Amino acid sequence: LDKAAAGCAVWPGSGALPENGLCAGFIGRSSITPDAAARL
């Protein structure tokens, strides 16, 4: 990949890749909130 396109600080400053790869995205989850439960 083009390091300049890798979205600022996610690419290690040394240029070396972490052993488990480069974190490219994430998802955050939670229990259904009361407001969401009411909508459902």
PDB file of all heavy atoms in Angstrom:
ATOM      1  N   LEU A   1       0.821  -1.202   0.000  1.00  0.00           N
ATOM      2  CA  LEU A   1       0.000   0.000   0.000  1.00  0.00           C
ATOM      3  C   LEU A   1       0.855   1.252   0.000  1.00  0.00           C
ATOM      4  O   LEU A   1       1.995   1.261   0.455  1.00  0.00           O
ATOM      5  CB  LEU A   1      -0.899   0.012   1.246  1.00  0.00           C
ATOM      6  CG  LEU A   1      -2.022  -1.008   1.296  1.00  0.00           C
ATOM      7  CD1 LEU A   1      -2.692  -0.940   2.659  1.00  0.00           C
ATOM      8  CD2 LEU A   1      -3.038  -0.758   0.199  1.00  0.00           C
ATOM      9  N   ASP A   2       0.274   2.303  -0.508  1.00  0.00           N
ATOM     10  CA  ASP A   2       0.913   3.611  -0.455  1.00  0.00           C
ATOM     11  C   ASP A   2       0.800   4.136   0.971  1.00  0.00           C
ATOM     12  O   ASP A   2      -0.292   4.406   1.456  1.00  0.00           O
ATOM     13  CB  ASP A   2       0.206   4.554  -1.437  1.00  0.00           C
ATOM     14  CG  ASP A   2       0.771   5.961  -1.405  1.00  0.00           C
ATOM     15  OD1 ASP A   2       1.769   6.200  -0.704  1.00  0.00           O
ATOM     16  OD2 ASP A   2       0.193   6.826  -2.096  1.00  0.00           O
ATOM     17  N   LYS A   3       1.911   4.298   1.659  1.00  0.00           N
ATOM     18  CA  LYS A   3       1.880   4.743   3.052  1.00  0.00           C
ATOM     19  C   LYS A   3       1.204   6.097   3.194  1.00  0.00           C
ATOM     20  O   LYS A   3       0.518   6.362   4.180  1.00  0.00           O
ATOM     21  CB  LYS A   3       3.296   4.795   3.623  1.00  0.00           C
ATOM     22  CG  LYS A   3       3.993   3.455   3.701  1.00  0.00           C
ATOM     23  CD  LYS A   3       5.385   3.608   4.292  1.00  0.00           C
ATOM     24  CE  LYS A   3       6.140   2.293   4.260  1.00  0.00           C
ATOM     25  NZ  LYS A   3       7.492   2.427   4.832  1.00  0.00           N
ATOM     26  N   ALA A   4       1.393   6.966   2.197  1.00  0.00           N
ATOM     27  CA  ALA A   4       0.812   8.301   2.275  1.00  0.00           C
ATOM     28  C   ALA A   4      -0.711   8.249   2.239  1.00  0.00           C
ATOM     29  O   ALA A   4      -1.383   9.165   2.707  1.00  0.00           O
ATOM     30  CB  ALA A   4       1.328   9.164   1.126  1.00  0.00           C
ATOM     31  N   ALA A   5      -1.263   7.158   1.692  1.00  0.00           N
ATOM     32  CA  ALA A   5      -2.714   7.026   1.601  1.00  0.00           C
ATOM     33  C   ALA A   5      -3.300   6.304   2.795  1.00  0.00           C
ATOM     34  O   ALA A   5      -4.504   6.140   2.893  1.00  0.00           O
ATOM     35  CB  ALA A   5      -3.089   6.266   0.317  1.00  0.00           C
ATOM     36  N   ALA A   6      -2.450   5.868   3.712  1.00  0.00           N
ATOM     37  CA  ALA A   6      -2.901   5.010   4.802  1.00  0.00           C
ATOM     38  C   ALA A   6      -3.460   5.767   5.991  1.00  0.00           C
ATOM     39  O   ALA A   6      -3.430   5.280   7.108  1.00  0.00           O
ATOM     40  CB  ALA A   6      -1.767   4.097   5.248  1.00  0.00           C
ATOM     41  N   GLY A   7      -3.949   6.943   5.761  1.00  0.00           N
ATOM     42  CA  GLY A   7      -4.693   7.634   6.809  1.00  0.00           C
ATOM     43  C   GLY A   7      -3.880   8.012   8.020  1.00  0.00           C
ATOM     44  O   GLY A   7      -4.076   7.460   9.093  1.00  0.00           O
ATOM     45  N   CYS A   8      -2.966   8.942   7.878  1.00  0.00           N
ATOM     46  CA  CYS A   8      -2.202   9.528   8.988  1.00  0.00           C
ATOM     47  C   CYS A   8      -1.438   8.501   9.814  1.00  0.00           C
ATOM     48  O   CYS A   8      -0.645   7.734   9.301  1.00  0.00           O
ATOM     49  CB  CYS A   8      -3.104  10.412   9.858  1.00  0.00           C
ATOM     50  SG  CYS A   8      -4.532   9.564  10.540  1.00  0.00           S
ATOM     51  N   ALA A   9      -1.730   8.434  11.134  1.00  0.00           N
ATOM     52  CA  ALA A   9      -0.836   7.733  12.063  1.00  0.00           C
ATOM     53  C   ALA A   9      -1.046   6.230  12.146  1.00  0.00           C
ATOM     54  O   ALA A   9      -0.412   5.580  12.962  1.00  0.00           O
ATOM     55  CB  ALA A   9      -0.989   8.335  13.459  1.00  0.00           C
ATOM     56  N   VAL A  10      -1.917   5.638  11.340  1.00  0.00           N
ATOM     57  CA  VAL A  10      -2.120   4.197  11.488  1.00  0.00           C
ATOM     58  C   VAL A  10      -0.915   3.397  10.999  1.00  0.00           C
ATOM     59  O   VAL A  10      -0.712   2.271  11.404  1.00  0.00           O
ATOM     60  CB  VAL A  10      -3.387   3.714  10.750  1.00  0.00           C
ATOM     61  CG1 VAL A  10      -4.609   4.364  11.330  1.00  0.00           C
ATOM     62  CG2 VAL A  10      -3.299   3.974   9.260  1.00  0.00           C
ATOM     63  N   TRP A  11      -0.109   4.000  10.111  1.00  0.00           N
ATOM     64  CA  TRP A  11       1.087   3.294   9.650  1.00  0.00           C
ATOM     65  C   TRP A  11       2.207   3.527  10.651  1.00  0.00           C
ATOM     66  O   TRP A  11       2.457   4.659  11.044  1.00  0.00           O
ATOM     67  CB  TRP A  11       1.508   3.805   8.276  1.00  0.00           C
ATOM     68  CG  TRP A  11       2.433   2.848   7.581  1.00  0.00           C
ATOM     69  CD1 TRP A  11       3.769   2.713   7.768  1.00  0.00           C
ATOM     70  CD2 TRP A  11       2.060   1.882   6.612  1.00  0.00           C
ATOM     71  NE1 TRP A  11       4.270   1.712   6.973  1.00  0.00           N
ATOM     72  CE2 TRP A  11       3.257   1.188   6.239  1.00  0.00           C
ATOM     73  CE3 TRP A  11       0.863   1.515   6.009  1.00  0.00           C
ATOM     74  CZ2 TRP A  11       3.264   0.162   5.297  1.00  0.00           C
ATOM     75  CZ3 TRP A  11       0.877   0.502   5.078  1.00  0.00           C
ATOM     76  CH2 TRP A  11       2.054  -0.168   4.729  1.00  0.00           C
ATOM     77  N   PRO A  12       2.869   2.471  11.097  1.00  0.00           N
ATOM     78  CA  PRO A  12       3.926   2.646  12.100  1.00  0.00           C
ATOM     79  C   PRO A  12       4.982   3.639  11.621  1.00  0.00           C
ATOM     80  O   PRO A  12       5.369   3.628  10.454  1.00  0.00           O
ATOM     81  CB  PRO A  12       4.513   1.240  12.228  1.00  0.00           C
ATOM     82  CG  PRO A  12       3.418   0.336  11.762  1.00  0.00           C
ATOM     83  CD  PRO A  12       2.696   1.087  10.680  1.00  0.00           C
ATOM     84  N   GLY A  13       5.432   4.490  12.533  1.00  0.00           N
ATOM     85  CA  GLY A  13       6.377   5.523  12.160  1.00  0.00           C
ATOM     86  C   GLY A  13       7.678   4.978  11.598  1.00  0.00           C
ATOM     87  O   GLY A  13       8.318   5.599  10.760  1.00  0.00           O
ATOM     88  N   SER A  14       8.092   3.796  12.042  1.00  0.00           N
ATOM     89  CA  SER A  14       9.338   3.215  11.566  1.00  0.00           C
ATOM     90  C   SER A  14       9.214   2.635  10.177  1.00  0.00           C
ATOM     91  O   SER A  14      10.199   2.322   9.519  1.00  0.00           O
ATOM     92  CB  SER A  14       9.780   2.101  12.518  1.00  0.00           C
ATOM     93  OG  SER A  14       8.841   1.033  12.478  1.00  0.00           O
ATOM     94  N   GLY A  15       7.965   2.466   9.695  1.00  0.00           N
ATOM     95  CA  GLY A  15       7.744   1.841   8.400  1.00  0.00           C
ATOM     96  C   GLY A  15       7.609   0.336   8.494  1.00  0.00           C
ATOM     97  O   GLY A  15       7.198  -0.308   7.544  1.00  0.00           O
ATOM     98  N   ALA A  16       7.956  -0.257   9.636  1.00  0.00           N
ATOM     99  CA  ALA A  16       7.836  -1.701   9.814  1.00  0.00           C
ATOM    100  C   ALA A  16       6.401  -2.058  10.176  1.00  0.00           C
ATOM    101  O   ALA A  16       5.749  -1.366  10.946  1.00  0.00           O
ATOM    102  CB  ALA A  16       8.782  -2.168  10.913  1.00  0.00           C
ATOM    103  N   LEU A  17       5.912  -3.152   9.604  1.00  0.00           N
ATOM    104  CA  LEU A  17       4.549  -3.580   9.872  1.00  0.00           C
ATOM    105  C   LEU A  17       4.483  -4.412  11.147  1.00  0.00           C
ATOM    106  O   LEU A  17       5.373  -5.220  11.405  1.00  0.00           O
ATOM    107  CB  LEU A  17       4.001  -4.402   8.703  1.00  0.00           C
ATOM    108  CG  LEU A  17       3.694  -3.600   7.442  1.00  0.00           C
ATOM    109  CD1 LEU A  17       3.496  -4.537   6.266  1.00  0.00           C
ATOM    110  CD2 LEU A  17       2.456  -2.753   7.661  1.00  0.00           C
ATOM    111  N   PRO A  18       3.422  -4.256  11.950  1.00  0.00           N
ATOM    112  CA  PRO A  18       3.255  -5.102  13.138  1.00  0.00           C
ATOM    113  C   PRO A  18       3.147  -6.567  12.729  1.00  0.00           C
ATOM    114  O   PRO A  18       2.718  -6.883  11.617  1.00  0.00           O
ATOM    115  CB  PRO A  18       1.936  -4.596  13.739  1.00  0.00           C
ATOM    116  CG  PRO A  18       1.729  -3.244  13.154  1.00  0.00           C
ATOM    117  CD  PRO A  18       2.350  -3.278  11.797  1.00  0.00           C
ATOM    118  N   GLU A  19       3.492  -7.447  13.641  1.00  0.00           N
ATOM    119  CA  GLU A  19       3.494  -8.873  13.344  1.00  0.00           C
ATOM    120  C   GLU A  19       2.112  -9.375  12.932  1.00  0.00           C
ATOM    121  O   GLU A  19       1.987 -10.235  12.063  1.00  0.00           O
ATOM    122  CB  GLU A  19       3.992  -9.650  14.569  1.00  0.00           C
ATOM    123  CG  GLU A  19       4.134 -11.145  14.340  1.00  0.00           C
ATOM    124  CD  GLU A  19       4.715 -11.855  15.532  1.00  0.00           C
ATOM    125  OE1 GLU A  19       5.287 -11.175  16.412  1.00  0.00           O
ATOM    126  OE2 GLU A  19       4.590 -13.090  15.594  1.00  0.00           O
ATOM    127  N   ASN A  20       1.058  -8.840  13.566  1.00  0.00           N
ATOM    128  CA  ASN A  20      -0.290  -9.324  13.241  1.00  0.00           C
ATOM    129  C   ASN A  20      -0.939  -8.528  12.115  1.00  0.00           C
ATOM    130  O   ASN A  20      -2.118  -8.672  11.851  1.00  0.00           O
ATOM    131  CB  ASN A  20      -1.185  -9.290  14.483  1.00  0.00           C
ATOM    132  CG  ASN A  20      -1.393  -7.884  15.010  1.00  0.00           C
ATOM    133  OD1 ASN A  20      -0.644  -6.976  14.663  1.00  0.00           O
ATOM    134  ND2 ASN A  20      -2.407  -7.695  15.846  1.00  0.00           N
ATOM    135  N   GLY A  21      -0.172  -7.684  11.421  1.00  0.00           N
ATOM    136  CA  GLY A  21      -0.711  -6.923  10.315  1.00  0.00           C
ATOM    137  C   GLY A  21      -1.052  -5.500  10.705  1.00  0.00           C
ATOM    138  O   GLY A  21      -0.838  -5.071  11.841  1.00  0.00           O
ATOM    139  N   LEU A  22      -1.601  -4.776   9.773  1.00  0.00           N
ATOM    140  CA  LEU A  22      -1.926  -3.370   9.972  1.00  0.00           C
ATOM    141  C   LEU A  22      -3.409  -3.226  10.277  1.00  0.00           C
ATOM    142  O   LEU A  22      -4.259  -3.753   9.558  1.00  0.00           O
ATOM    143  CB  LEU A  22      -1.585  -2.591   8.708  1.00  0.00           C
ATOM    144  CG  LEU A  22      -1.583  -1.071   8.795  1.00  0.00           C
ATOM    145  CD1 LEU A  22      -0.487  -0.590   9.730  1.00  0.00           C
ATOM    146  CD2 LEU A  22      -1.392  -0.477   7.412  1.00  0.00           C
ATOM    147  N   CYS A  23      -3.744  -2.549  11.367  1.00  0.00           N
ATOM    148  CA  CYS A  23      -5.142  -2.336  11.719  1.00  0.00           C
ATOM    149  C   CYS A  23      -5.789  -1.456  10.656  1.00  0.00           C
ATOM    150  O   CYS A  23      -5.370  -0.320  10.432  1.00  0.00           O
ATOM    151  CB  CYS A  23      -5.240  -1.679  13.094  1.00  0.00           C
ATOM    152  SG  CYS A  23      -6.944  -1.530  13.672  1.00  0.00           S
ATOM    153  N   ALA A  24      -6.810  -1.987   9.997  1.00  0.00           N
ATOM    154  CA  ALA A  24      -7.411  -1.300   8.858  1.00  0.00           C
ATOM    155  C   ALA A  24      -8.815  -0.788   9.131  1.00  0.00           C
ATOM    156  O   ALA A  24      -9.334   0.022   8.368  1.00  0.00           O
ATOM    157  CB  ALA A  24      -7.450  -2.241   7.657  1.00  0.00           C
ATOM    158  N   GLY A  25      -9.438  -1.249  10.189  1.00  0.00           N
ATOM    159  CA  GLY A  25     -10.795  -0.809  10.499  1.00  0.00           C
ATOM    160  C   GLY A  25     -11.270  -1.470  11.775  1.00  0.00           C
ATOM    161  O   GLY A  25     -10.630  -2.393  12.282  1.00  0.00           O
ATOM    162  N   PHE A  26     -12.392  -0.981  12.286  1.00  0.00           N
ATOM    163  CA  PHE A  26     -12.901  -1.554  13.533  1.00  0.00           C
ATOM    164  C   PHE A  26     -14.408  -1.361  13.631  1.00  0.00           C
ATOM    165  O   PHE A  26     -15.000  -0.507  12.974  1.00  0.00           O
ATOM    166  CB  PHE A  26     -12.208  -0.920  14.745  1.00  0.00           C
ATOM    167  CG  PHE A  26     -12.506   0.548  14.956  1.00  0.00           C
ATOM    168  CD1 PHE A  26     -13.506   0.958  15.826  1.00  0.00           C
ATOM    169  CD2 PHE A  26     -11.780   1.516  14.294  1.00  0.00           C
ATOM    170  CE1 PHE A  26     -13.784   2.307  16.030  1.00  0.00           C
ATOM    171  CE2 PHE A  26     -12.031   2.872  14.487  1.00  0.00           C
ATOM    172  CZ  PHE A  26     -13.039   3.263  15.357  1.00  0.00           C
ATOM    173  N   ILE A  27     -15.007  -2.191  14.468  1.00  0.00           N
ATOM    174  CA  ILE A  27     -16.428  -2.115  14.761  1.00  0.00           C
ATOM    175  C   ILE A  27     -16.594  -2.056  16.274  1.00  0.00           C
ATOM    176  O   ILE A  27     -15.873  -2.727  17.009  1.00  0.00           O
ATOM    177  CB  ILE A  27     -17.190  -3.327  14.157  1.00  0.00           C
ATOM    178  CG1 ILE A  27     -18.703  -3.125  14.238  1.00  0.00           C
ATOM    179  CG2 ILE A  27     -16.774  -4.635  14.818  1.00  0.00           C
ATOM    180  CD1 ILE A  27     -19.498  -4.151  13.423  1.00  0.00           C
ATOM    181  N   GLY A  28     -17.514  -1.202  16.732  1.00  0.00           N
ATOM    182  CA  GLY A  28     -17.799  -1.079  18.150  1.00  0.00           C
ATOM    183  C   GLY A  28     -19.243  -1.463  18.414  1.00  0.00           C
ATOM    184  O   GLY A  28     -20.156  -0.975  17.751  1.00  0.00           O
ATOM    185  N   ARG A  29     -19.463  -2.368  19.379  1.00  0.00           N
ATOM    186  CA  ARG A  29     -20.799  -2.905  19.638  1.00  0.00           C
ATOM    187  C   ARG A  29     -21.180  -2.686  21.090  1.00  0.00           C
ATOM    188  O   ARG A  29     -20.334  -2.491  21.957  1.00  0.00           O
ATOM    189  CB  ARG A  29     -20.835  -4.399  19.306  1.00  0.00           C
ATOM    190  CG  ARG A  29     -20.049  -4.739  18.054  1.00  0.00           C
ATOM    191  CD  ARG A  29     -20.048  -6.195  17.680  1.00  0.00           C
ATOM    192  NE  ARG A  29     -19.746  -7.108  18.760  1.00  0.00           N
ATOM    193  CZ  ARG A  29     -19.549  -8.415  18.596  1.00  0.00           C
ATOM    194  NH1 ARG A  29     -19.620  -8.946  17.394  1.00  0.00           N
ATOM    195  NH2 ARG A  29     -19.283  -9.200  19.621  1.00  0.00           N
ATOM    196  N   SER A  30     -22.485  -2.744  21.349  1.00  0.00           N
ATOM    197  CA  SER A  30     -22.982  -2.633  22.719  1.00  0.00           C
ATOM    198  C   SER A  30     -24.318  -3.343  22.807  1.00  0.00           C
ATOM    199  O   SER A  30     -24.907  -3.725  21.788  1.00  0.00           O
ATOM    200  CB  SER A  30     -23.144  -1.166  23.133  1.00  0.00           C
ATOM    201  OG  SER A  30     -24.246  -0.580  22.464  1.00  0.00           O
ATOM    202  N   SER A  31     -24.796  -3.510  24.024  1.00  0.00           N
ATOM    203  CA  SER A  31     -26.144  -4.044  24.202  1.00  0.00           C
ATOM    204  C   SER A  31     -27.154  -3.036  23.660  1.00  0.00           C
ATOM    205  O   SER A  31     -26.877  -1.834  23.575  1.00  0.00           O
ATOM    206  CB  SER A  31     -26.416  -4.300  25.687  1.00  0.00           C
ATOM    207  OG  SER A  31     -25.507  -5.239  26.215  1.00  0.00           O
ATOM    208  N   ILE A  32     -28.314  -3.540  23.291  1.00  0.00           N
ATOM    209  CA  ILE A  32     -29.364  -2.658  22.784  1.00  0.00           C
ATOM    210  C   ILE A  32     -29.757  -1.663  23.867  1.00  0.00           C
ATOM    211  O   ILE A  32     -30.057  -2.039  25.005  1.00  0.00           O
ATOM    212  CB  ILE A  32     -30.596  -3.485  22.356  1.00  0.00           C
ATOM    213  CG1 ILE A  32     -30.240  -4.360  21.144  1.00  0.00           C
ATOM    214  CG2 ILE A  32     -31.774  -2.591  22.042  1.00  0.00           C
ATOM    215  CD1 ILE A  32     -30.001  -3.613  19.867  1.00  0.00           C
ATOM    216  N   THR A  33     -29.760  -0.397  23.528  1.00  0.00           N
ATOM    217  CA  THR A  33     -30.150   0.644  24.486  1.00  0.00           C
ATOM    218  C   THR A  33     -31.663   0.645  24.655  1.00  0.00           C
ATOM    219  O   THR A  33     -32.395   0.154  23.781  1.00  0.00           O
ATOM    220  CB  THR A  33     -29.699   2.020  24.007  1.00  0.00           C
ATOM    221  OG1 THR A  33     -30.382   2.342  22.789  1.00  0.00           O
ATOM    222  CG2 THR A  33     -28.189   2.052  23.774  1.00  0.00           C
ATOM    223  N   PRO A  34     -32.183   1.195  25.761  1.00  0.00           N
ATOM    224  CA  PRO A  34     -33.643   1.276  25.937  1.00  0.00           C
ATOM    225  C   PRO A  34     -34.333   1.997  24.787  1.00  0.00           C
ATOM    226  O   PRO A  34     -35.418   1.595  24.361  1.00  0.00           O
ATOM    227  CB  PRO A  34     -33.789   2.038  27.256  1.00  0.00           C
ATOM    228  CG  PRO A  34     -32.541   1.702  28.019  1.00  0.00           C
ATOM    229  CD  PRO A  34     -31.461   1.642  26.979  1.00  0.00           C
ATOM    230  N   ASP A  35     -33.705   3.057  24.273  1.00  0.00           N
ATOM    231  CA  ASP A  35     -34.311   3.796  23.169  1.00  0.00           C
ATOM    232  C   ASP A  35     -34.413   2.924  21.926  1.00  0.00           C
ATOM    233  O   ASP A  35     -35.444   2.901  21.241  1.00  0.00           O
ATOM    234  CB  ASP A  35     -33.484   5.045  22.868  1.00  0.00           C
ATOM    235  CG  ASP A  35     -34.077   5.871  21.748  1.00  0.00           C
ATOM    236  OD1 ASP A  35     -35.196   6.383  21.918  1.00  0.00           O
ATOM    237  OD2 ASP A  35     -33.427   6.005  20.692  1.00  0.00           O
ATOM    238  N   ALA A  36     -33.336   2.187  21.630  1.00  0.00           N
ATOM    239  CA  ALA A  36     -33.358   1.296  20.473  1.00  0.00           C
ATOM    240  C   ALA A  36     -34.361   0.170  20.673  1.00  0.00           C
ATOM    241  O   ALA A  36     -35.081  -0.217  19.744  1.00  0.00           O
ATOM    242  CB  ALA A  36     -31.963   0.738  20.225  1.00  0.00           C
ATOM    243  N   ALA A  37     -34.430  -0.373  21.883  1.00  0.00           N
ATOM    244  CA  ALA A  37     -35.389  -1.444  22.169  1.00  0.00           C
ATOM    245  C   ALA A  37     -36.818  -0.968  21.945  1.00  0.00           C
ATOM    246  O   ALA A  37     -37.658  -1.712  21.419  1.00  0.00           O
ATOM    247  CB  ALA A  37     -35.210  -1.924  23.605  1.00  0.00           C
ATOM    248  N   ALA A  38     -37.094   0.265  22.333  1.00  0.00           N
ATOM    249  CA  ALA A  38     -38.436   0.808  22.131  1.00  0.00           C
ATOM    250  C   ALA A  38     -38.741   0.949  20.644  1.00  0.00           C
ATOM    251  O   ALA A  38     -39.866   0.656  20.200  1.00  0.00           O
ATOM    252  CB  ALA A  38     -38.555   2.163  22.831  1.00  0.00           C
ATOM    253  N   ARG A  39     -37.754   1.383  19.868  1.00  0.00           N
ATOM    254  CA  ARG A  39     -37.957   1.509  18.415  1.00  0.00           C
ATOM    255  C   ARG A  39     -38.232   0.145  17.794  1.00  0.00           C
ATOM    256  O   ARG A  39     -39.103   0.006  16.932  1.00  0.00           O
ATOM    257  CB  ARG A  39     -36.733   2.149  17.762  1.00  0.00           C
ATOM    258  CG  ARG A  39     -36.486   3.593  18.169  1.00  0.00           C
ATOM    259  CD  ARG A  39     -35.277   4.165  17.427  1.00  0.00           C
ATOM    260  NE  ARG A  39     -34.897   5.465  17.957  1.00  0.00           N
ATOM    261  CZ  ARG A  39     -35.515   6.603  17.682  1.00  0.00           C
ATOM    262  NH1 ARG A  39     -36.543   6.588  16.839  1.00  0.00           N
ATOM    263  NH2 ARG A  39     -35.124   7.743  18.222  1.00  0.00           N
ATOM    264  N   LEU A  40     -37.486  -0.861  18.219  1.00  0.00           N
ATOM    265  CA  LEU A  40     -37.676  -2.201  17.676  1.00  0.00           C
ATOM    266  C   LEU A  40     -39.043  -2.753  18.057  1.00  0.00           C
ATOM    267  O   LEU A  40     -39.719  -3.396  17.239  1.00  0.00           O
ATOM    268  CB  LEU A  40     -36.566  -3.125  18.180  1.00  0.00           C
ATOM    269  CG  LEU A  40     -35.147  -2.780  17.717  1.00  0.00           C
ATOM    270  CD1 LEU A  40     -34.135  -3.705  18.389  1.00  0.00           C
ATOM    271  CD2 LEU A  40     -35.034  -2.865  16.213  1.00  0.00           C
TER     272      LEU A  40
END
